[in-house]
Amino acid sequence: MPTTERIAMHPPLPASVIMAAAERRGRPHVFDSIMPAKSALVVIDLQRAFMDAGAPSHVAQAQTVVPNVNKLAAAMRTAGGRIVWVRATFDKSGWPNFFDNMVNPALSGRILDALQDGAELHAIHEGLDVQPADMIVNKYRLSAFLPGACNLPILLRTAGIDTVLIAGCMTNVCCDSSARDAVMTDFKTIMVEDANATRTDEAHIAALTTFLQSFGDVRRTDEIITMLSAGR
């Protein structure tokens, strides 16, 4: 069952991080506007396997971003953009190197059982506002933009999307991997600071700091909603 424990959101990026990024490129943010019709909110791994208390990949902090993700999805729909829900979907036979070497054997079986397509914990968290017109895609590696690991890039390009907003969990693993690969394949990419979550504040801030300084943009939910409204 979903946890009812109240968890504090990750703290905001320090002002010094924003200032360092501004000094590096001459402005604090990469993108000053968003064209909704060419944009998609990509929500990574907000599934029961990551969000239910006691689930094998539980990320307690992920509960805190649900309201912001829903706000972003509603704003994106109103502005005419796309929403994509990405589900981690794993099979040991398809990725033995990871599950043999990177995961405790006592845990790997539980993770694999939970993240099989159709498993109970594979489902998107019940608190998220998923609508019939939204896209739902599976990814078979950490990144949703890794060639061969997910058909998301093709679906987005076919739909005329050139800008992606990354939300979900974990900030420093699947979200960061997806965001970096999106940049490498020429999508304009923004990580939404207060719509990403991971297991520690330190890991969250470190991942966003590196992304902002060297890869793409980092914005907060209210900033994104303002930009979407202005771009309609």
C-alpha atoms as a PDB file:
ATOM      1  CA  MET A   1       0.000   0.000   0.000  1.00  0.00           C
ATOM      2  CA  PRO A   2       1.174   3.587  -0.587  1.00  0.00           C
ATOM      3  CA  THR A   3       2.878   5.123   2.431  1.00  0.00           C
ATOM      4  CA  THR A   4       1.093   7.803   4.452  1.00  0.00           C
ATOM      5  CA  GLU A   5       4.316   9.029   6.075  1.00  0.00           C
ATOM      6  CA  ARG A   6       4.903  12.755   5.591  1.00  0.00           C
ATOM      7  CA  ILE A   7       8.243  13.314   3.882  1.00  0.00           C
ATOM      8  CA  ALA A   8       9.847  16.700   3.320  1.00  0.00           C
ATOM      9  CA  MET A   9      10.585  17.710  -0.253  1.00  0.00           C
ATOM     10  CA  HIS A  10      14.179  18.019  -1.363  1.00  0.00           C
ATOM     11  CA  PRO A  11      15.624  21.484  -0.688  1.00  0.00           C
ATOM     12  CA  PRO A  12      15.987  23.883  -3.615  1.00  0.00           C
ATOM     13  CA  LEU A  13      19.225  24.239  -5.502  1.00  0.00           C
ATOM     14  CA  PRO A  14      21.574  26.639  -3.707  1.00  0.00           C
ATOM     15  CA  ALA A  15      21.779  30.122  -5.200  1.00  0.00           C
ATOM     16  CA  SER A  16      25.500  29.534  -5.679  1.00  0.00           C
ATOM     17  CA  VAL A  17      24.730  26.740  -8.166  1.00  0.00           C
ATOM     18  CA  ILE A  18      22.535  29.033 -10.259  1.00  0.00           C
ATOM     19  CA  MET A  19      25.170  31.763 -10.151  1.00  0.00           C
ATOM     20  CA  ALA A  20      27.916  29.359 -11.237  1.00  0.00           C
ATOM     21  CA  ALA A  21      25.827  28.225 -14.191  1.00  0.00           C
ATOM     22  CA  ALA A  22      25.159  31.848 -15.136  1.00  0.00           C
ATOM     23  CA  GLU A  23      28.853  32.665 -15.034  1.00  0.00           C
ATOM     24  CA  ARG A  24      29.656  29.646 -17.208  1.00  0.00           C
ATOM     25  CA  ARG A  25      27.334  30.568 -20.071  1.00  0.00           C
ATOM     26  CA  GLY A  26      26.394  34.191 -19.444  1.00  0.00           C
ATOM     27  CA  ARG A  27      22.815  33.565 -18.296  1.00  0.00           C
ATOM     28  CA  PRO A  28      21.277  31.487 -15.494  1.00  0.00           C
ATOM     29  CA  HIS A  29      19.012  29.352 -17.682  1.00  0.00           C
ATOM     30  CA  VAL A  30      19.384  27.738 -21.084  1.00  0.00           C
ATOM     31  CA  PHE A  31      15.809  28.211 -22.319  1.00  0.00           C
ATOM     32  CA  ASP A  32      13.720  31.323 -21.761  1.00  0.00           C
ATOM     33  CA  SER A  33      10.558  30.011 -23.396  1.00  0.00           C
ATOM     34  CA  ILE A  34       8.669  26.797 -24.157  1.00  0.00           C
ATOM     35  CA  MET A  35       6.511  26.083 -27.196  1.00  0.00           C
ATOM     36  CA  PRO A  36       3.854  23.732 -25.750  1.00  0.00           C
ATOM     37  CA  ALA A  37       2.878  22.206 -29.098  1.00  0.00           C
ATOM     38  CA  LYS A  38       6.455  20.985 -29.506  1.00  0.00           C
ATOM     39  CA  SER A  39       6.934  19.903 -25.898  1.00  0.00           C
ATOM     40  CA  ALA A  40       6.317  16.836 -23.751  1.00  0.00           C
ATOM     41  CA  LEU A  41       6.342  16.209 -20.023  1.00  0.00           C
ATOM     42  CA  VAL A  42       8.163  12.898 -19.575  1.00  0.00           C
ATOM     43  CA  VAL A  43       7.490  11.288 -16.187  1.00  0.00           C
ATOM     44  CA  ILE A  44      10.004   8.595 -15.296  1.00  0.00           C
ATOM     45  CA  ASP A  45       9.331   5.509 -13.136  1.00  0.00           C
ATOM     46  CA  LEU A  46       6.619   6.814 -10.818  1.00  0.00           C
ATOM     47  CA  GLN A  47       5.352   3.259 -10.438  1.00  0.00           C
ATOM     48  CA  ARG A  48       4.173   1.328  -7.418  1.00  0.00           C
ATOM     49  CA  ALA A  49       7.491  -0.578  -7.316  1.00  0.00           C
ATOM     50  CA  PHE A  50       9.157   2.730  -6.427  1.00  0.00           C
ATOM     51  CA  MET A  51       6.374   4.319  -4.384  1.00  0.00           C
ATOM     52  CA  ASP A  52       4.612   1.690  -2.288  1.00  0.00           C
ATOM     53  CA  ALA A  53       6.002   1.287   1.225  1.00  0.00           C
ATOM     54  CA  GLY A  54       7.987  -1.926   1.366  1.00  0.00           C
ATOM     55  CA  ALA A  55       8.280  -2.214  -2.415  1.00  0.00           C
ATOM     56  CA  PRO A  56      11.703  -3.442  -3.586  1.00  0.00           C
ATOM     57  CA  SER A  57      12.769  -0.165  -5.205  1.00  0.00           C
ATOM     58  CA  HIS A  58      11.054   2.149  -2.713  1.00  0.00           C
ATOM     59  CA  VAL A  59      11.973   5.855  -2.914  1.00  0.00           C
ATOM     60  CA  ALA A  60      10.191   7.575  -0.020  1.00  0.00           C
ATOM     61  CA  GLN A  61      10.833  11.046  -1.432  1.00  0.00           C
ATOM     62  CA  ALA A  62       8.921  10.206  -4.631  1.00  0.00           C
ATOM     63  CA  GLN A  63       5.614  10.739  -2.832  1.00  0.00           C
ATOM     64  CA  THR A  64       6.463  14.427  -2.424  1.00  0.00           C
ATOM     65  CA  VAL A  65       6.535  15.175  -6.149  1.00  0.00           C
ATOM     66  CA  VAL A  66       3.115  13.755  -7.024  1.00  0.00           C
ATOM     67  CA  PRO A  67       1.252  17.094  -6.613  1.00  0.00           C
ATOM     68  CA  ASN A  68       3.762  18.944  -8.785  1.00  0.00           C
ATOM     69  CA  VAL A  69       3.746  16.262 -11.459  1.00  0.00           C
ATOM     70  CA  ASN A  70      -0.050  16.447 -11.607  1.00  0.00           C
ATOM     71  CA  LYS A  71       0.092  20.269 -11.796  1.00  0.00           C
ATOM     72  CA  LEU A  72       2.594  20.074 -14.639  1.00  0.00           C
ATOM     73  CA  ALA A  73       0.514  17.490 -16.504  1.00  0.00           C
ATOM     74  CA  ALA A  74      -2.616  19.635 -16.205  1.00  0.00           C
ATOM     75  CA  ALA A  75      -0.755  22.738 -17.393  1.00  0.00           C
ATOM     76  CA  MET A  76       0.771  20.846 -20.294  1.00  0.00           C
ATOM     77  CA  ARG A  77      -2.616  19.523 -21.422  1.00  0.00           C
ATOM     78  CA  THR A  78      -4.172  23.000 -21.202  1.00  0.00           C
ATOM     79  CA  ALA A  79      -1.312  24.484 -23.221  1.00  0.00           C
ATOM     80  CA  GLY A  80      -1.517  21.795 -25.908  1.00  0.00           C
ATOM     81  CA  GLY A  81       1.572  19.732 -25.081  1.00  0.00           C
ATOM     82  CA  ARG A  82       2.049  15.993 -24.559  1.00  0.00           C
ATOM     83  CA  ILE A  83       2.356  13.880 -21.404  1.00  0.00           C
ATOM     84  CA  VAL A  84       4.323  10.637 -21.358  1.00  0.00           C
ATOM     85  CA  TRP A  85       4.400   8.150 -18.473  1.00  0.00           C
ATOM     86  CA  VAL A  86       7.491   5.950 -18.661  1.00  0.00           C
ATOM     87  CA  ARG A  87       7.553   2.583 -16.877  1.00  0.00           C
ATOM     88  CA  ALA A  88      10.749   0.758 -15.914  1.00  0.00           C
ATOM     89  CA  THR A  89      10.370  -2.750 -17.314  1.00  0.00           C
ATOM     90  CA  PHE A  90      13.128  -5.270 -16.664  1.00  0.00           C
ATOM     91  CA  ASP A  91      13.983  -8.886 -17.388  1.00  0.00           C
ATOM     92  CA  LYS A  92      17.203 -10.461 -16.153  1.00  0.00           C
ATOM     93  CA  SER A  93      17.685 -12.370 -19.393  1.00  0.00           C
ATOM     94  CA  GLY A  94      17.580  -9.063 -21.239  1.00  0.00           C
ATOM     95  CA  TRP A  95      20.060  -7.298 -18.959  1.00  0.00           C
ATOM     96  CA  PRO A  96      22.160  -9.861 -17.055  1.00  0.00           C
ATOM     97  CA  ASN A  97      25.168  -7.576 -16.587  1.00  0.00           C
ATOM     98  CA  PHE A  98      23.176  -5.171 -14.426  1.00  0.00           C
ATOM     99  CA  PHE A  99      21.276  -7.698 -12.346  1.00  0.00           C
ATOM    100  CA  ASP A 100      24.275  -9.994 -11.876  1.00  0.00           C
ATOM    101  CA  ASN A 101      26.676  -7.261 -10.826  1.00  0.00           C
ATOM    102  CA  MET A 102      24.887  -4.107  -9.697  1.00  0.00           C
ATOM    103  CA  VAL A 103      22.087  -5.478  -7.521  1.00  0.00           C
ATOM    104  CA  ASN A 104      22.257  -7.570  -4.359  1.00  0.00           C
ATOM    105  CA  PRO A 105      21.141 -11.098  -5.344  1.00  0.00           C
ATOM    106  CA  ALA A 106      18.708 -11.129  -2.422  1.00  0.00           C
ATOM    107  CA  LEU A 107      17.022  -8.039  -3.879  1.00  0.00           C
ATOM    108  CA  SER A 108      17.317  -8.532  -7.622  1.00  0.00           C
ATOM    109  CA  GLY A 109      14.639 -11.221  -7.764  1.00  0.00           C
ATOM    110  CA  ARG A 110      12.136  -8.971  -6.009  1.00  0.00           C
ATOM    111  CA  ILE A 111      12.927  -6.075  -8.340  1.00  0.00           C
ATOM    112  CA  LEU A 112      12.550  -8.248 -11.420  1.00  0.00           C
ATOM    113  CA  ASP A 113       9.248  -9.687 -10.204  1.00  0.00           C
ATOM    114  CA  ALA A 114       7.911  -6.200  -9.469  1.00  0.00           C
ATOM    115  CA  LEU A 115       8.955  -4.641 -12.768  1.00  0.00           C
ATOM    116  CA  GLN A 116       7.708  -7.275 -15.187  1.00  0.00           C
ATOM    117  CA  ASP A 117       5.138  -5.854 -17.585  1.00  0.00           C
ATOM    118  CA  GLY A 118       1.731  -6.641 -16.105  1.00  0.00           C
ATOM    119  CA  ALA A 119       2.941  -7.156 -12.534  1.00  0.00           C
ATOM    120  CA  GLU A 120       0.941  -5.417  -9.796  1.00  0.00           C
ATOM    121  CA  LEU A 121       3.825  -3.143  -8.774  1.00  0.00           C
ATOM    122  CA  HIS A 122       4.674  -2.319 -12.389  1.00  0.00           C
ATOM    123  CA  ALA A 123       1.612  -0.060 -12.524  1.00  0.00           C
ATOM    124  CA  ILE A 124       1.807   3.724 -12.385  1.00  0.00           C
ATOM    125  CA  HIS A 125       1.158   5.099  -8.891  1.00  0.00           C
ATOM    126  CA  GLU A 126      -2.549   5.566  -8.273  1.00  0.00           C
ATOM    127  CA  GLY A 127      -2.189   9.182  -7.155  1.00  0.00           C
ATOM    128  CA  LEU A 128      -1.018  10.343 -10.575  1.00  0.00           C
ATOM    129  CA  ASP A 129      -3.478  11.926 -12.984  1.00  0.00           C
ATOM    130  CA  VAL A 130      -3.100   9.705 -16.036  1.00  0.00           C
ATOM    131  CA  GLN A 131      -5.515  10.564 -18.845  1.00  0.00           C
ATOM    132  CA  PRO A 132      -6.558   8.470 -21.883  1.00  0.00           C
ATOM    133  CA  ALA A 133      -4.795  10.788 -24.345  1.00  0.00           C
ATOM    134  CA  ASP A 134      -1.467  10.468 -22.517  1.00  0.00           C
ATOM    135  CA  MET A 135       1.258   8.172 -23.813  1.00  0.00           C
ATOM    136  CA  ILE A 136       2.467   5.258 -21.691  1.00  0.00           C
ATOM    137  CA  VAL A 137       5.729   3.615 -22.752  1.00  0.00           C
ATOM    138  CA  ASN A 138       8.031   0.969 -21.311  1.00  0.00           C
ATOM    139  CA  LYS A 139      11.782   1.371 -21.076  1.00  0.00           C
ATOM    140  CA  TYR A 140      14.169  -1.557 -20.764  1.00  0.00           C
ATOM    141  CA  ARG A 141      17.228   0.243 -19.420  1.00  0.00           C
ATOM    142  CA  LEU A 142      17.735   3.138 -17.025  1.00  0.00           C
ATOM    143  CA  SER A 143      17.368   5.776 -19.750  1.00  0.00           C
ATOM    144  CA  ALA A 144      14.184   6.339 -21.736  1.00  0.00           C
ATOM    145  CA  PHE A 145      16.238   7.979 -24.491  1.00  0.00           C
ATOM    146  CA  LEU A 146      18.924   5.325 -24.923  1.00  0.00           C
ATOM    147  CA  PRO A 147      18.773   4.037 -28.520  1.00  0.00           C
ATOM    148  CA  GLY A 148      17.262   0.556 -28.565  1.00  0.00           C
ATOM    149  CA  ALA A 149      16.051   0.728 -24.950  1.00  0.00           C
ATOM    150  CA  CYS A 150      12.780   2.573 -25.528  1.00  0.00           C
ATOM    151  CA  ASN A 151      10.735   3.751 -28.494  1.00  0.00           C
ATOM    152  CA  LEU A 152      10.047   7.119 -26.864  1.00  0.00           C
ATOM    153  CA  PRO A 153      12.453   9.202 -29.001  1.00  0.00           C
ATOM    154  CA  ILE A 154      10.825   7.931 -32.197  1.00  0.00           C
ATOM    155  CA  LEU A 155       7.322   8.590 -30.854  1.00  0.00           C
ATOM    156  CA  LEU A 156       8.262  12.115 -29.839  1.00  0.00           C
ATOM    157  CA  ARG A 157      10.006  12.968 -33.101  1.00  0.00           C
ATOM    158  CA  THR A 158       7.039  11.614 -35.065  1.00  0.00           C
ATOM    159  CA  ALA A 159       4.745  13.868 -33.028  1.00  0.00           C
ATOM    160  CA  GLY A 160       6.905  16.923 -33.765  1.00  0.00           C
ATOM    161  CA  ILE A 161       8.285  17.191 -30.232  1.00  0.00           C
ATOM    162  CA  ASP A 162      11.683  18.847 -29.784  1.00  0.00           C
ATOM    163  CA  THR A 163      11.524  19.818 -26.087  1.00  0.00           C
ATOM    164  CA  VAL A 164      11.192  17.507 -23.083  1.00  0.00           C
ATOM    165  CA  LEU A 165      10.564  18.236 -19.415  1.00  0.00           C
ATOM    166  CA  ILE A 166      11.891  15.457 -17.186  1.00  0.00           C
ATOM    167  CA  ALA A 167      10.167  14.528 -13.918  1.00  0.00           C
ATOM    168  CA  GLY A 168      10.004  11.404 -11.769  1.00  0.00           C
ATOM    169  CA  CYS A 169      12.462   9.232  -9.878  1.00  0.00           C
ATOM    170  CA  MET A 170      15.267   8.804  -9.266  1.00  0.00           C
ATOM    171  CA  THR A 171      16.761  12.229  -9.942  1.00  0.00           C
ATOM    172  CA  ASN A 172      20.320  10.932 -10.078  1.00  0.00           C
ATOM    173  CA  VAL A 173      19.701   7.632 -11.876  1.00  0.00           C
ATOM    174  CA  CYS A 174      16.904   7.101 -14.408  1.00  0.00           C
ATOM    175  CA  CYS A 175      15.845  10.751 -14.623  1.00  0.00           C
ATOM    176  CA  ASP A 176      19.391  12.014 -15.042  1.00  0.00           C
ATOM    177  CA  SER A 177      20.261   9.224 -17.506  1.00  0.00           C
ATOM    178  CA  SER A 178      17.153   9.992 -19.559  1.00  0.00           C
ATOM    179  CA  ALA A 179      17.782  13.739 -19.493  1.00  0.00           C
ATOM    180  CA  ARG A 180      21.406  13.401 -20.570  1.00  0.00           C
ATOM    181  CA  ASP A 181      20.540  11.039 -23.408  1.00  0.00           C
ATOM    182  CA  ALA A 182      17.753  13.371 -24.503  1.00  0.00           C
ATOM    183  CA  VAL A 183      20.321  16.175 -24.745  1.00  0.00           C
ATOM    184  CA  MET A 184      22.721  13.914 -26.657  1.00  0.00           C
ATOM    185  CA  THR A 185      19.992  13.186 -29.204  1.00  0.00           C
ATOM    186  CA  ASP A 186      19.199  16.890 -29.671  1.00  0.00           C
ATOM    187  CA  PHE A 187      16.083  17.363 -27.578  1.00  0.00           C
ATOM    188  CA  LYS A 188      15.900  20.632 -25.683  1.00  0.00           C
ATOM    189  CA  THR A 189      15.820  19.272 -22.150  1.00  0.00           C
ATOM    190  CA  ILE A 190      14.697  20.692 -18.823  1.00  0.00           C
ATOM    191  CA  MET A 191      14.802  18.771 -15.541  1.00  0.00           C
ATOM    192  CA  VAL A 192      12.018  19.976 -13.251  1.00  0.00           C
ATOM    193  CA  GLU A 193      13.747  20.484  -9.920  1.00  0.00           C
ATOM    194  CA  ASP A 194      10.784  20.016  -7.591  1.00  0.00           C
ATOM    195  CA  ALA A 195       9.179  17.251  -9.657  1.00  0.00           C
ATOM    196  CA  ASN A 196      12.192  14.914  -9.372  1.00  0.00           C
ATOM    197  CA  ALA A 197      13.053  12.822  -6.335  1.00  0.00           C
ATOM    198  CA  THR A 198      15.686  10.423  -5.098  1.00  0.00           C
ATOM    199  CA  ARG A 199      16.801   8.889  -1.806  1.00  0.00           C
ATOM    200  CA  THR A 200      18.976  11.700  -0.433  1.00  0.00           C
ATOM    201  CA  ASP A 201      19.060  15.476  -0.701  1.00  0.00           C
ATOM    202  CA  GLU A 202      22.770  15.324  -1.515  1.00  0.00           C
ATOM    203  CA  ALA A 203      22.279  13.037  -4.520  1.00  0.00           C
ATOM    204  CA  HIS A 204      19.362  15.134  -5.797  1.00  0.00           C
ATOM    205  CA  ILE A 205      21.284  18.405  -5.628  1.00  0.00           C
ATOM    206  CA  ALA A 206      24.475  16.916  -7.079  1.00  0.00           C
ATOM    207  CA  ALA A 207      22.662  15.482 -10.109  1.00  0.00           C
ATOM    208  CA  LEU A 208      20.775  18.695 -10.857  1.00  0.00           C
ATOM    209  CA  THR A 209      23.892  20.787 -10.350  1.00  0.00           C
ATOM    210  CA  THR A 210      25.869  18.815 -12.921  1.00  0.00           C
ATOM    211  CA  PHE A 211      22.968  18.777 -15.374  1.00  0.00           C
ATOM    212  CA  LEU A 212      22.424  22.540 -15.124  1.00  0.00           C
ATOM    213  CA  GLN A 213      26.105  23.351 -15.496  1.00  0.00           C
ATOM    214  CA  SER A 214      26.957  21.001 -18.337  1.00  0.00           C
ATOM    215  CA  PHE A 215      23.919  19.494 -20.081  1.00  0.00           C
ATOM    216  CA  GLY A 216      20.631  21.406 -20.065  1.00  0.00           C
ATOM    217  CA  ASP A 217      18.276  23.455 -17.963  1.00  0.00           C
ATOM    218  CA  VAL A 218      16.763  23.069 -14.489  1.00  0.00           C
ATOM    219  CA  ARG A 219      13.549  24.876 -13.611  1.00  0.00           C
ATOM    220  CA  ARG A 220      10.920  24.682 -10.872  1.00  0.00           C
ATOM    221  CA  THR A 221       7.276  23.696 -11.407  1.00  0.00           C
ATOM    222  CA  ASP A 222       5.817  27.199 -11.108  1.00  0.00           C
ATOM    223  CA  GLU A 223       8.390  28.553 -13.567  1.00  0.00           C
ATOM    224  CA  ILE A 224       7.474  25.857 -16.088  1.00  0.00           C
ATOM    225  CA  ILE A 225       3.753  26.536 -15.739  1.00  0.00           C
ATOM    226  CA  THR A 226       4.342  30.258 -16.350  1.00  0.00           C
ATOM    227  CA  MET A 227       6.444  29.459 -19.425  1.00  0.00           C
ATOM    228  CA  LEU A 228       3.784  27.086 -20.778  1.00  0.00           C
ATOM    229  CA  SER A 229       1.086  29.701 -20.314  1.00  0.00           C
ATOM    230  CA  ALA A 230       3.177  32.331 -22.086  1.00  0.00           C
ATOM    231  CA  GLY A 231       3.860  29.967 -24.980  1.00  0.00           C
ATOM    232  CA  ARG A 232       0.239  29.130 -25.750  1.00  0.00           C
END
